[in-house]
């Protein structure tokens, strides 16, 4: 990193003020991120996220599941009707 050269104390003060504001903004972003993370780790949201991920998985593969399971269910039902 190259050393900056300042022509006056006013430039130094302005640069320090900018750095102070950037530090404050980054600190507030960190606090906000921490709060959002804390809110997202509640048991209710964890369970909802878990359920929604499985719901998405099963809704996308619904026809595949039906095609796989339906013959077994029909076979079982037909055998049960016959009394086997």
C-alpha atoms as a PDB file:
ATOM      1  CA  UNK A   1       0.000   0.000   0.000  1.00  0.00           C
ATOM      2  CA  UNK A   2       1.328   3.366  -0.992  1.00  0.00           C
ATOM      3  CA  UNK A   3       1.735   6.089   1.622  1.00  0.00           C
ATOM      4  CA  UNK A   4      -0.579   9.049   1.086  1.00  0.00           C
ATOM      5  CA  UNK A   5       0.790  12.572   1.081  1.00  0.00           C
ATOM      6  CA  UNK A   6      -1.389  15.266   2.539  1.00  0.00           C
ATOM      7  CA  UNK A   7      -1.071  18.991   1.822  1.00  0.00           C
ATOM      8  CA  UNK A   8      -2.894  20.190   4.933  1.00  0.00           C
ATOM      9  CA  UNK A   9      -4.317  19.139   8.252  1.00  0.00           C
ATOM     10  CA  UNK A  10      -7.809  19.665   6.822  1.00  0.00           C
ATOM     11  CA  UNK A  11      -7.196  16.821   4.331  1.00  0.00           C
ATOM     12  CA  UNK A  12      -6.040  14.572   7.160  1.00  0.00           C
ATOM     13  CA  UNK A  13      -9.110  15.453   9.244  1.00  0.00           C
ATOM     14  CA  UNK A  14     -11.424  14.783   6.278  1.00  0.00           C
ATOM     15  CA  UNK A  15      -9.757  11.399   5.636  1.00  0.00           C
ATOM     16  CA  UNK A  16     -10.052  10.485   9.325  1.00  0.00           C
ATOM     17  CA  UNK A  17     -13.740  11.460   9.311  1.00  0.00           C
ATOM     18  CA  UNK A  18     -14.345   9.275   6.229  1.00  0.00           C
ATOM     19  CA  UNK A  19     -12.561   6.341   7.872  1.00  0.00           C
ATOM     20  CA  UNK A  20     -14.542   6.849  11.077  1.00  0.00           C
ATOM     21  CA  UNK A  21     -17.838   6.816   9.150  1.00  0.00           C
ATOM     22  CA  UNK A  22     -16.798   3.712   7.176  1.00  0.00           C
ATOM     23  CA  UNK A  23     -15.918   1.981  10.431  1.00  0.00           C
ATOM     24  CA  UNK A  24     -19.304   2.903  11.912  1.00  0.00           C
ATOM     25  CA  UNK A  25     -21.156   1.682   8.803  1.00  0.00           C
ATOM     26  CA  UNK A  26     -19.290  -1.632   8.838  1.00  0.00           C
ATOM     27  CA  UNK A  27     -19.976  -2.050  12.552  1.00  0.00           C
ATOM     28  CA  UNK A  28     -23.709  -1.451  12.023  1.00  0.00           C
ATOM     29  CA  UNK A  29     -23.719  -3.935   9.110  1.00  0.00           C
ATOM     30  CA  UNK A  30     -22.098  -6.495  11.404  1.00  0.00           C
ATOM     31  CA  UNK A  31     -24.718  -5.915  14.110  1.00  0.00           C
ATOM     32  CA  UNK A  32     -27.549  -6.197  11.564  1.00  0.00           C
ATOM     33  CA  UNK A  33     -26.075  -9.402  10.151  1.00  0.00           C
ATOM     34  CA  UNK A  34     -25.766 -10.847  13.653  1.00  0.00           C
ATOM     35  CA  UNK A  35     -29.394  -9.959  14.450  1.00  0.00           C
ATOM     36  CA  UNK A  36     -30.649 -11.534  11.214  1.00  0.00           C
ATOM     37  CA  UNK A  37     -28.640 -14.676  11.933  1.00  0.00           C
ATOM     38  CA  UNK A  38     -29.976 -14.819  15.485  1.00  0.00           C
ATOM     39  CA  UNK A  39     -33.550 -14.496  14.188  1.00  0.00           C
ATOM     40  CA  UNK A  40     -33.047 -17.215  11.590  1.00  0.00           C
ATOM     41  CA  UNK A  41     -31.774 -19.756  14.131  1.00  0.00           C
ATOM     42  CA  UNK A  42     -35.008 -20.025  16.107  1.00  0.00           C
ATOM     43  CA  UNK A  43     -36.311 -23.602  16.414  1.00  0.00           C
ATOM     44  CA  UNK A  44     -39.480 -22.706  14.500  1.00  0.00           C
ATOM     45  CA  UNK A  45     -37.555 -21.366  11.507  1.00  0.00           C
ATOM     46  CA  UNK A  46     -35.155 -24.328  11.505  1.00  0.00           C
ATOM     47  CA  UNK A  47     -38.070 -26.785  11.424  1.00  0.00           C
ATOM     48  CA  UNK A  48     -39.885 -24.745   8.760  1.00  0.00           C
ATOM     49  CA  UNK A  49     -36.734 -24.644   6.636  1.00  0.00           C
ATOM     50  CA  UNK A  50     -36.254 -28.379   7.032  1.00  0.00           C
ATOM     51  CA  UNK A  51     -39.870 -29.094   6.083  1.00  0.00           C
ATOM     52  CA  UNK A  52     -39.852 -26.693   3.149  1.00  0.00           C
ATOM     53  CA  UNK A  53     -36.692 -28.253   1.725  1.00  0.00           C
ATOM     54  CA  UNK A  54     -38.290 -31.707   1.803  1.00  0.00           C
ATOM     55  CA  UNK A  55     -41.547 -30.304   0.441  1.00  0.00           C
ATOM     56  CA  UNK A  56     -39.650 -28.806  -2.491  1.00  0.00           C
ATOM     57  CA  UNK A  57     -37.848 -32.091  -3.077  1.00  0.00           C
ATOM     58  CA  UNK A  58     -41.015 -34.172  -3.012  1.00  0.00           C
ATOM     59  CA  UNK A  59     -43.092 -31.717  -5.036  1.00  0.00           C
ATOM     60  CA  UNK A  60     -40.487 -31.760  -7.802  1.00  0.00           C
ATOM     61  CA  UNK A  61     -40.328 -35.564  -7.864  1.00  0.00           C
ATOM     62  CA  UNK A  62     -44.037 -36.206  -7.235  1.00  0.00           C
ATOM     63  CA  UNK A  63     -44.640 -37.987 -10.565  1.00  0.00           C
ATOM     64  CA  UNK A  64     -41.563 -40.170 -10.137  1.00  0.00           C
ATOM     65  CA  UNK A  65     -42.698 -41.223  -6.673  1.00  0.00           C
ATOM     66  CA  UNK A  66     -46.194 -42.014  -7.962  1.00  0.00           C
ATOM     67  CA  UNK A  67     -44.837 -44.044 -10.868  1.00  0.00           C
ATOM     68  CA  UNK A  68     -42.667 -46.045  -8.489  1.00  0.00           C
ATOM     69  CA  UNK A  69     -45.157 -46.610  -5.668  1.00  0.00           C
ATOM     70  CA  UNK A  70     -48.437 -46.918  -7.589  1.00  0.00           C
ATOM     71  CA  UNK A  71     -47.802 -50.427  -9.034  1.00  0.00           C
ATOM     72  CA  UNK A  72     -47.006 -51.801  -5.567  1.00  0.00           C
ATOM     73  CA  UNK A  73     -50.102 -50.215  -4.039  1.00  0.00           C
ATOM     74  CA  UNK A  74     -52.335 -51.495  -6.841  1.00  0.00           C
ATOM     75  CA  UNK A  75     -50.820 -54.994  -6.576  1.00  0.00           C
ATOM     76  CA  UNK A  76     -51.344 -55.042  -2.829  1.00  0.00           C
ATOM     77  CA  UNK A  77     -54.939 -53.812  -3.218  1.00  0.00           C
ATOM     78  CA  UNK A  78     -55.741 -56.425  -5.894  1.00  0.00           C
ATOM     79  CA  UNK A  79     -54.235 -59.239  -3.789  1.00  0.00           C
ATOM     80  CA  UNK A  80     -56.153 -58.068  -0.735  1.00  0.00           C
ATOM     81  CA  UNK A  81     -59.436 -58.093  -2.710  1.00  0.00           C
ATOM     82  CA  UNK A  82     -58.768 -61.683  -3.859  1.00  0.00           C
ATOM     83  CA  UNK A  83     -58.154 -62.746  -0.295  1.00  0.00           C
ATOM     84  CA  UNK A  84     -54.486 -63.757  -0.791  1.00  0.00           C
END
